[in-house]
Structure formats: C-alpha cells, structure tokens
C-alpha cells in the first residue's frame, strides 16, 4: 500500500479563460519544484477546446461557467476541468499525463475524480457556486470574481 504524508500545496489563481459558451476560472496547484509552464497552459487550452467543449455541448443544459485546475503533481500533469449544468450539477472531464509519457492516460478507463489537493478546490468552488448562483438572483459575475 502506498502511503503519502499530506502537506498543503500552494494554490494560485491564474485568471479567467473564455471559450465559446464557457467561462472558466483557472487555478494552479503545484507539487514542490513543479512550476506551471506555458506548455502546460497550452495543453489545458487544447484539452478544453478539443475535449471539454464538445462534451459540454453534447450534454446540453450548461450554465456556461466553471473552473479548471492545472496541477503538475509529483508523477504527472493533471487537468481536471469542471462546468456547471442544470443549475446545481457539476460535470468534469479529466486530463492526466505522466511525466515522460508520449500520450495522456485514457481517463475514461480510470475511476479517479481527483486527488485530495484538487478536491479541496472543488469543495470551495462548490461553496462559491451555492453562495453566488443558487440564490434568488444568480450573479455570474460574482461567481467568476470570487476565487480561493
């Protein structure tokens, strides 16, 4: 059994990215000595454009808002992308590529939803969604500008 000692990882807000029909808050979450690079940001944009947007559009009912995490971890790069649909449902597509691998892992065959560090961001984003969008007058701008 693998054992890992929990140590908080720094979270940074990298800004908001806009795509057709989707605005995302982008967070960086880095393991020690694993900075977020331009190549990682390019991989995230490509994943969102080529995989996330088609999935979102095929499912329908999107609220057009969400968040993504660029996470260079100890073993590889993870990019979980989340978007809100039907007012209260959080959807996800997940990109993961191990360092040195030629291609990303097939995440449809892996049952992961995220690591403990990513799940803290998901929990906080869920709280922000409830407080800004699940109210009498939803405020998309408040959602997009309220960050960790």
N, C-alpha and C. Protein backbone atom coordinates (compact mmCIF):
# COMPACT_ATOMS: atom_id res chain seq x y z
N UNK A 1 0.85 -1.18 0.00
CA UNK A 1 0.00 0.00 0.00
C UNK A 1 0.89 1.24 0.00
N UNK A 2 0.58 2.18 -0.88
CA UNK A 2 1.32 3.44 -0.94
C UNK A 2 0.86 4.36 0.18
N UNK A 3 1.80 5.00 0.81
CA UNK A 3 1.49 5.94 1.89
C UNK A 3 2.11 7.28 1.54
N UNK A 4 1.33 8.33 1.65
CA UNK A 4 1.83 9.68 1.38
C UNK A 4 1.42 10.57 2.53
N UNK A 5 2.34 11.40 2.99
CA UNK A 5 2.06 12.34 4.06
C UNK A 5 1.46 13.60 3.44
N UNK A 6 0.35 14.07 4.01
CA UNK A 6 -0.31 15.26 3.49
C UNK A 6 0.49 16.50 3.84
N UNK A 7 0.75 17.30 2.85
CA UNK A 7 1.35 18.62 3.03
C UNK A 7 0.62 19.55 2.07
N UNK A 8 0.05 20.64 2.56
CA UNK A 8 -0.69 21.53 1.67
C UNK A 8 0.16 21.98 0.48
N UNK A 9 -0.47 22.08 -0.67
CA UNK A 9 0.19 22.58 -1.88
C UNK A 9 -0.33 23.97 -2.17
N UNK A 10 0.55 24.85 -2.62
CA UNK A 10 0.10 26.21 -2.89
C UNK A 10 -0.89 26.26 -4.07
N UNK A 11 -1.94 27.06 -3.90
CA UNK A 11 -2.93 27.30 -4.94
C UNK A 11 -2.77 28.74 -5.41
N UNK A 12 -2.75 28.91 -6.72
CA UNK A 12 -2.70 30.25 -7.29
C UNK A 12 -3.86 30.43 -8.25
N UNK A 13 -4.35 31.65 -8.36
CA UNK A 13 -5.39 31.95 -9.33
C UNK A 13 -4.69 32.46 -10.58
N UNK A 14 -4.92 31.79 -11.70
CA UNK A 14 -4.23 32.11 -12.95
C UNK A 14 -5.06 32.98 -13.89
N UNK A 15 -6.27 33.33 -13.46
CA UNK A 15 -7.12 34.19 -14.28
C UNK A 15 -8.34 33.45 -14.79
N UNK A 16 -9.09 34.11 -15.65
CA UNK A 16 -10.29 33.53 -16.25
C UNK A 16 -10.05 33.35 -17.74
N UNK A 17 -10.47 32.22 -18.26
CA UNK A 17 -10.38 31.95 -19.69
C UNK A 17 -11.79 31.87 -20.25
N UNK A 18 -11.97 32.43 -21.44
CA UNK A 18 -13.27 32.40 -22.10
C UNK A 18 -13.19 31.55 -23.36
N UNK A 19 -14.19 30.72 -23.53
CA UNK A 19 -14.34 29.88 -24.71
C UNK A 19 -15.78 30.05 -25.18
N UNK A 20 -16.10 29.65 -26.40
CA UNK A 20 -17.49 29.77 -26.84
C UNK A 20 -18.45 29.02 -25.91
N UNK A 21 -19.29 29.76 -25.22
CA UNK A 21 -20.28 29.15 -24.33
C UNK A 21 -19.76 28.75 -22.96
N UNK A 22 -18.52 29.08 -22.63
CA UNK A 22 -17.96 28.64 -21.34
C UNK A 22 -16.91 29.63 -20.83
N UNK A 23 -17.10 30.07 -19.59
CA UNK A 23 -16.11 30.89 -18.91
C UNK A 23 -15.58 30.08 -17.72
N UNK A 24 -14.26 29.99 -17.64
CA UNK A 24 -13.62 29.17 -16.60
C UNK A 24 -12.69 29.99 -15.74
N UNK A 25 -12.76 29.75 -14.44
CA UNK A 25 -11.72 30.24 -13.52
C UNK A 25 -10.61 29.21 -13.56
N UNK A 26 -9.36 29.66 -13.64
CA UNK A 26 -8.23 28.73 -13.76
C UNK A 26 -7.37 28.84 -12.51
N UNK A 27 -7.16 27.69 -11.89
CA UNK A 27 -6.31 27.60 -10.70
C UNK A 27 -5.05 26.81 -11.02
N UNK A 28 -3.97 27.20 -10.38
CA UNK A 28 -2.74 26.43 -10.42
C UNK A 28 -2.55 25.77 -9.07
N UNK A 29 -2.10 24.53 -9.10
CA UNK A 29 -1.87 23.76 -7.88
C UNK A 29 -0.60 22.95 -8.12
N UNK A 30 0.48 23.29 -7.44
CA UNK A 30 1.77 22.70 -7.77
C UNK A 30 2.38 21.90 -6.64
N UNK A 31 2.88 20.72 -7.00
CA UNK A 31 3.71 19.97 -6.07
C UNK A 31 5.05 20.70 -5.96
N UNK A 32 5.80 20.39 -4.94
CA UNK A 32 7.09 21.05 -4.73
C UNK A 32 7.98 20.90 -5.95
N UNK A 33 8.59 22.00 -6.37
CA UNK A 33 9.52 22.04 -7.50
C UNK A 33 8.86 21.67 -8.84
N UNK A 34 7.57 21.90 -8.98
CA UNK A 34 6.85 21.63 -10.22
C UNK A 34 6.08 22.89 -10.64
N UNK A 35 6.76 23.84 -11.27
CA UNK A 35 6.06 25.06 -11.68
C UNK A 35 5.13 24.81 -12.87
N UNK A 36 4.14 25.66 -13.01
CA UNK A 36 3.23 25.62 -14.16
C UNK A 36 3.93 26.32 -15.31
N UNK A 37 4.02 25.64 -16.43
CA UNK A 37 4.74 26.17 -17.59
C UNK A 37 3.76 26.61 -18.68
N UNK A 38 4.28 27.34 -19.66
CA UNK A 38 3.48 27.74 -20.82
C UNK A 38 2.97 26.51 -21.56
N UNK A 39 3.79 25.47 -21.63
CA UNK A 39 3.38 24.24 -22.32
C UNK A 39 2.19 23.58 -21.60
N UNK A 40 2.17 23.65 -20.27
CA UNK A 40 1.05 23.09 -19.51
C UNK A 40 -0.22 23.89 -19.78
N UNK A 41 -0.09 25.22 -19.82
CA UNK A 41 -1.25 26.05 -20.13
C UNK A 41 -1.76 25.77 -21.54
N UNK A 42 -0.85 25.57 -22.48
CA UNK A 42 -1.25 25.25 -23.86
C UNK A 42 -1.96 23.89 -23.90
N UNK A 43 -1.47 22.91 -23.14
CA UNK A 43 -2.12 21.60 -23.09
C UNK A 43 -3.53 21.73 -22.52
N UNK A 44 -3.69 22.57 -21.50
CA UNK A 44 -5.00 22.78 -20.90
C UNK A 44 -5.97 23.41 -21.90
N UNK A 45 -5.51 24.44 -22.60
CA UNK A 45 -6.38 25.08 -23.59
C UNK A 45 -6.79 24.10 -24.69
N UNK A 46 -5.83 23.31 -25.15
CA UNK A 46 -6.13 22.33 -26.19
C UNK A 46 -7.14 21.29 -25.69
N UNK A 47 -6.95 20.80 -24.48
CA UNK A 47 -7.87 19.83 -23.89
C UNK A 47 -9.28 20.42 -23.79
N UNK A 48 -9.37 21.65 -23.32
CA UNK A 48 -10.68 22.29 -23.18
C UNK A 48 -11.35 22.43 -24.54
N UNK A 49 -10.60 22.91 -25.52
CA UNK A 49 -11.19 23.13 -26.85
C UNK A 49 -11.55 21.82 -27.55
N UNK A 50 -10.71 20.81 -27.43
CA UNK A 50 -10.90 19.58 -28.20
C UNK A 50 -11.75 18.52 -27.49
N UNK A 51 -11.78 18.55 -26.16
CA UNK A 51 -12.49 17.51 -25.41
C UNK A 51 -13.63 18.04 -24.54
N UNK A 52 -13.34 19.09 -23.79
CA UNK A 52 -14.35 19.58 -22.84
C UNK A 52 -15.52 20.23 -23.56
N UNK A 53 -15.25 21.17 -24.45
CA UNK A 53 -16.35 21.88 -25.12
C UNK A 53 -17.26 20.93 -25.90
N UNK A 54 -16.72 19.98 -26.67
CA UNK A 54 -17.62 19.04 -27.34
C UNK A 54 -18.46 18.23 -26.35
N UNK A 55 -17.87 17.80 -25.23
CA UNK A 55 -18.62 17.05 -24.22
C UNK A 55 -19.72 17.92 -23.62
N UNK A 56 -19.37 19.15 -23.28
CA UNK A 56 -20.33 20.07 -22.69
C UNK A 56 -21.49 20.32 -23.65
N UNK A 57 -21.17 20.58 -24.91
CA UNK A 57 -22.21 20.85 -25.89
C UNK A 57 -23.09 19.64 -26.16
N UNK A 58 -22.50 18.44 -26.15
CA UNK A 58 -23.27 17.22 -26.37
C UNK A 58 -24.24 16.96 -25.22
N UNK A 59 -23.83 17.27 -23.99
CA UNK A 59 -24.69 17.05 -22.84
C UNK A 59 -25.82 18.07 -22.76
N UNK A 60 -25.54 19.30 -23.18
CA UNK A 60 -26.53 20.37 -23.10
C UNK A 60 -26.72 20.84 -21.67
N UNK A 61 -27.64 21.78 -21.48
CA UNK A 61 -28.02 22.31 -20.16
C UNK A 61 -26.88 22.98 -19.40
N UNK A 62 -25.82 23.42 -20.09
CA UNK A 62 -24.69 24.04 -19.39
C UNK A 62 -25.08 25.43 -18.90
N UNK A 63 -24.57 25.78 -17.72
CA UNK A 63 -24.72 27.14 -17.22
C UNK A 63 -23.63 28.06 -17.75
N UNK A 64 -22.67 27.51 -18.52
CA UNK A 64 -21.64 28.32 -19.15
C UNK A 64 -20.55 28.81 -18.22
N UNK A 65 -20.47 28.23 -17.02
CA UNK A 65 -19.49 28.66 -16.03
C UNK A 65 -18.82 27.44 -15.41
N UNK A 66 -17.57 27.62 -14.99
CA UNK A 66 -16.89 26.53 -14.32
C UNK A 66 -15.48 26.91 -13.91
N UNK A 67 -14.66 25.90 -13.68
CA UNK A 67 -13.28 26.13 -13.24
C UNK A 67 -12.43 24.95 -13.68
N UNK A 68 -11.14 25.21 -13.77
CA UNK A 68 -10.17 24.17 -14.12
C UNK A 68 -8.97 24.30 -13.20
N UNK A 69 -8.26 23.19 -13.05
CA UNK A 69 -7.08 23.15 -12.19
C UNK A 69 -5.91 22.61 -13.01
N UNK A 70 -4.85 23.39 -13.11
CA UNK A 70 -3.61 22.92 -13.72
C UNK A 70 -2.74 22.43 -12.57
N UNK A 71 -2.51 21.12 -12.54
CA UNK A 71 -1.86 20.52 -11.38
C UNK A 71 -0.66 19.67 -11.78
N UNK A 72 0.52 20.30 -11.85
CA UNK A 72 1.72 19.49 -12.00
C UNK A 72 2.04 18.84 -10.66
N UNK A 73 1.73 17.57 -10.58
CA UNK A 73 1.94 16.82 -9.34
C UNK A 73 3.28 16.13 -9.33
N UNK A 74 3.44 15.18 -8.44
CA UNK A 74 4.72 14.50 -8.31
C UNK A 74 4.96 13.51 -9.45
N UNK A 75 3.90 12.92 -10.02
CA UNK A 75 4.06 11.90 -11.06
C UNK A 75 3.70 12.37 -12.46
N UNK A 76 2.90 13.44 -12.54
CA UNK A 76 2.48 13.89 -13.86
C UNK A 76 1.59 15.10 -13.77
N UNK A 77 1.10 15.53 -14.92
CA UNK A 77 0.23 16.69 -15.02
C UNK A 77 -1.23 16.25 -15.04
N UNK A 78 -2.02 16.82 -14.15
CA UNK A 78 -3.46 16.59 -14.13
C UNK A 78 -4.15 17.90 -14.45
N UNK A 79 -5.21 17.82 -15.25
CA UNK A 79 -6.01 18.99 -15.57
C UNK A 79 -7.49 18.60 -15.47
N UNK A 80 -8.06 18.67 -14.27
CA UNK A 80 -9.49 18.45 -14.16
C UNK A 80 -10.22 19.75 -14.55
N UNK A 81 -11.20 19.62 -15.42
CA UNK A 81 -12.00 20.77 -15.87
C UNK A 81 -13.44 20.49 -15.46
N UNK A 82 -14.03 21.47 -14.78
CA UNK A 82 -15.39 21.31 -14.24
C UNK A 82 -16.29 22.41 -14.81
N UNK A 83 -17.54 22.04 -15.13
CA UNK A 83 -18.51 23.04 -15.53
C UNK A 83 -19.86 22.70 -14.89
N UNK A 84 -20.63 23.76 -14.67
CA UNK A 84 -21.92 23.62 -14.01
C UNK A 84 -23.03 23.47 -15.04
N UNK A 85 -23.98 22.60 -14.74
CA UNK A 85 -25.12 22.37 -15.62
C UNK A 85 -26.38 22.22 -14.77
N UNK A 86 -27.50 22.47 -15.36
CA UNK A 86 -28.81 22.32 -14.70
C UNK A 86 -28.89 23.08 -13.38
N UNK A 87 -28.09 24.10 -13.20
CA UNK A 87 -28.16 24.94 -12.01
C UNK A 87 -27.48 24.39 -10.77
N UNK A 88 -27.25 23.06 -10.71
CA UNK A 88 -26.67 22.50 -9.48
C UNK A 88 -25.84 21.24 -9.70
N UNK A 89 -25.56 20.91 -10.95
CA UNK A 89 -24.82 19.68 -11.23
C UNK A 89 -23.43 20.05 -11.74
N UNK A 90 -22.41 19.45 -11.16
CA UNK A 90 -21.03 19.71 -11.55
C UNK A 90 -20.54 18.57 -12.44
N UNK A 91 -20.15 18.91 -13.66
CA UNK A 91 -19.62 17.93 -14.61
C UNK A 91 -18.11 18.06 -14.68
N UNK A 92 -17.44 17.00 -15.12
CA UNK A 92 -15.98 17.02 -15.17
C UNK A 92 -15.46 16.22 -16.35
N UNK A 93 -14.40 16.72 -16.94
CA UNK A 93 -13.54 15.96 -17.85
C UNK A 93 -12.14 16.07 -17.27
N UNK A 94 -11.35 15.02 -17.39
CA UNK A 94 -10.08 14.93 -16.69
C UNK A 94 -8.97 14.55 -17.66
N UNK A 95 -7.92 15.36 -17.68
CA UNK A 95 -6.72 15.09 -18.48
C UNK A 95 -5.61 14.70 -17.52
N UNK A 96 -4.87 13.65 -17.83
CA UNK A 96 -3.73 13.25 -16.98
C UNK A 96 -2.66 12.64 -17.86
N UNK A 97 -1.45 13.20 -17.74
CA UNK A 97 -0.31 12.66 -18.48
C UNK A 97 0.88 12.55 -17.53
N UNK A 98 1.43 11.35 -17.44
CA UNK A 98 2.60 11.13 -16.60
C UNK A 98 3.82 11.78 -17.23
N UNK A 99 4.72 12.27 -16.41
CA UNK A 99 5.95 12.88 -16.93
C UNK A 99 6.72 11.84 -17.75
N UNK A 100 7.17 12.25 -18.93
CA UNK A 100 7.93 11.37 -19.80
C UNK A 100 7.09 10.49 -20.70
N UNK A 101 5.77 10.46 -20.50
CA UNK A 101 4.89 9.63 -21.34
C UNK A 101 4.64 10.32 -22.67
N UNK A 102 4.44 9.52 -23.70
CA UNK A 102 4.19 10.06 -25.03
C UNK A 102 2.77 10.58 -25.21
N UNK A 103 1.84 10.08 -24.40
CA UNK A 103 0.44 10.45 -24.56
C UNK A 103 -0.25 10.46 -23.20
N UNK A 104 -1.36 11.17 -23.10
CA UNK A 104 -2.11 11.16 -21.84
C UNK A 104 -2.74 9.81 -21.57
N UNK A 105 -3.06 9.57 -20.31
CA UNK A 105 -3.78 8.36 -19.92
C UNK A 105 -5.23 8.43 -20.43
N UNK A 106 -5.83 7.28 -20.64
CA UNK A 106 -7.24 7.23 -21.02
C UNK A 106 -8.05 7.33 -19.73
N UNK A 107 -8.55 8.50 -19.44
CA UNK A 107 -9.24 8.72 -18.16
C UNK A 107 -10.66 8.16 -18.16
N UNK A 108 -11.15 7.70 -19.31
CA UNK A 108 -12.45 7.03 -19.30
C UNK A 108 -12.33 5.64 -18.70
N UNK A 109 -11.11 5.11 -18.63
CA UNK A 109 -10.88 3.78 -18.05
C UNK A 109 -10.39 3.84 -16.62
N UNK A 110 -10.17 5.05 -16.10
CA UNK A 110 -9.69 5.21 -14.73
C UNK A 110 -10.81 5.85 -13.90
N UNK A 111 -11.12 5.30 -12.76
CA UNK A 111 -12.25 5.82 -11.98
C UNK A 111 -11.92 7.03 -11.10
N UNK A 112 -10.78 7.71 -11.33
CA UNK A 112 -10.43 8.83 -10.46
C UNK A 112 -11.34 10.04 -10.65
N UNK A 113 -11.58 10.73 -9.55
CA UNK A 113 -12.27 12.01 -9.62
C UNK A 113 -11.34 13.15 -9.21
N UNK A 114 -10.21 12.83 -8.63
CA UNK A 114 -9.23 13.85 -8.25
C UNK A 114 -8.47 13.43 -7.02
N UNK A 115 -7.40 14.15 -6.77
CA UNK A 115 -6.60 13.88 -5.57
C UNK A 115 -7.08 14.79 -4.44
N UNK A 116 -6.58 14.54 -3.26
CA UNK A 116 -7.01 15.27 -2.07
C UNK A 116 -6.77 16.77 -2.22
N UNK A 117 -5.69 17.16 -2.90
CA UNK A 117 -5.41 18.59 -3.07
C UNK A 117 -6.42 19.23 -4.02
N UNK A 118 -6.77 18.54 -5.10
CA UNK A 118 -7.76 19.06 -6.05
C UNK A 118 -9.15 19.11 -5.42
N UNK A 119 -9.46 18.13 -4.60
CA UNK A 119 -10.80 18.06 -4.01
C UNK A 119 -11.08 19.23 -3.08
N UNK A 120 -10.06 19.79 -2.47
CA UNK A 120 -10.27 20.98 -1.64
C UNK A 120 -10.72 22.15 -2.49
N UNK A 121 -10.15 22.30 -3.69
CA UNK A 121 -10.58 23.37 -4.60
C UNK A 121 -12.02 23.10 -5.04
N UNK A 122 -12.35 21.86 -5.36
CA UNK A 122 -13.71 21.51 -5.76
C UNK A 122 -14.69 21.87 -4.64
N UNK A 123 -14.34 21.56 -3.40
CA UNK A 123 -15.23 21.87 -2.27
C UNK A 123 -15.44 23.38 -2.14
N UNK A 124 -14.38 24.15 -2.26
CA UNK A 124 -14.51 25.60 -2.14
C UNK A 124 -15.28 26.20 -3.31
N UNK A 125 -15.06 25.68 -4.51
CA UNK A 125 -15.80 26.16 -5.67
C UNK A 125 -17.29 25.81 -5.56
N UNK A 126 -17.60 24.68 -4.97
CA UNK A 126 -18.99 24.30 -4.75
C UNK A 126 -19.66 25.30 -3.80
N UNK A 127 -18.94 25.67 -2.76
CA UNK A 127 -19.46 26.68 -1.81
C UNK A 127 -19.68 28.00 -2.53
N UNK A 128 -18.71 28.44 -3.33
CA UNK A 128 -18.85 29.71 -4.07
C UNK A 128 -20.06 29.64 -5.00
N UNK A 129 -20.26 28.50 -5.68
CA UNK A 129 -21.42 28.35 -6.57
C UNK A 129 -22.73 28.52 -5.79
N UNK A 130 -22.83 27.84 -4.65
CA UNK A 130 -24.06 27.95 -3.85
C UNK A 130 -24.32 29.39 -3.44
N UNK A 131 -23.27 30.09 -3.02
CA UNK A 131 -23.43 31.44 -2.49
C UNK A 131 -23.67 32.50 -3.56
N UNK A 132 -23.26 32.25 -4.80
CA UNK A 132 -23.40 33.27 -5.84
C UNK A 132 -24.42 32.93 -6.92
N UNK A 133 -24.69 31.64 -7.12
CA UNK A 133 -25.57 31.23 -8.22
C UNK A 133 -26.85 30.53 -7.78
N UNK A 134 -26.86 29.95 -6.60
CA UNK A 134 -28.05 29.25 -6.12
C UNK A 134 -28.79 30.12 -5.12
N UNK A 135 -29.04 31.35 -5.54
CA UNK A 135 -29.72 32.35 -4.72
C UNK A 135 -30.87 32.93 -5.55
N UNK A 136 -31.66 33.80 -4.95
CA UNK A 136 -32.83 34.36 -5.64
C UNK A 136 -32.47 35.02 -6.97
N UNK A 137 -31.37 35.76 -6.99
CA UNK A 137 -30.92 36.40 -8.22
C UNK A 137 -29.48 35.94 -8.48
N UNK A 138 -29.30 34.91 -9.31
CA UNK A 138 -27.94 34.41 -9.58
C UNK A 138 -27.06 35.51 -10.15
N UNK A 139 -25.79 35.49 -9.74
CA UNK A 139 -24.84 36.53 -10.15
C UNK A 139 -23.59 35.89 -10.73
N UNK A 140 -23.59 35.70 -12.05
CA UNK A 140 -22.45 35.06 -12.73
C UNK A 140 -21.17 35.85 -12.53
N UNK A 141 -21.24 37.17 -12.52
CA UNK A 141 -20.04 37.97 -12.32
C UNK A 141 -19.46 37.73 -10.92
N UNK A 142 -20.32 37.62 -9.93
CA UNK A 142 -19.85 37.34 -8.56
C UNK A 142 -19.19 35.95 -8.52
N UNK A 143 -19.78 34.99 -9.22
CA UNK A 143 -19.15 33.66 -9.25
C UNK A 143 -17.76 33.74 -9.86
N UNK A 144 -17.65 34.41 -11.00
CA UNK A 144 -16.37 34.47 -11.70
C UNK A 144 -15.30 35.28 -10.96
N UNK A 145 -15.71 36.22 -10.15
CA UNK A 145 -14.73 37.06 -9.47
C UNK A 145 -14.45 36.61 -8.03
N UNK A 146 -15.18 35.63 -7.54
CA UNK A 146 -14.91 35.10 -6.21
C UNK A 146 -13.99 33.89 -6.38
N UNK A 147 -12.78 34.01 -5.86
CA UNK A 147 -11.79 32.96 -6.04
C UNK A 147 -11.23 32.54 -4.69
N UNK A 148 -10.45 31.49 -4.69
CA UNK A 148 -9.83 30.99 -3.47
C UNK A 148 -8.72 31.93 -3.05
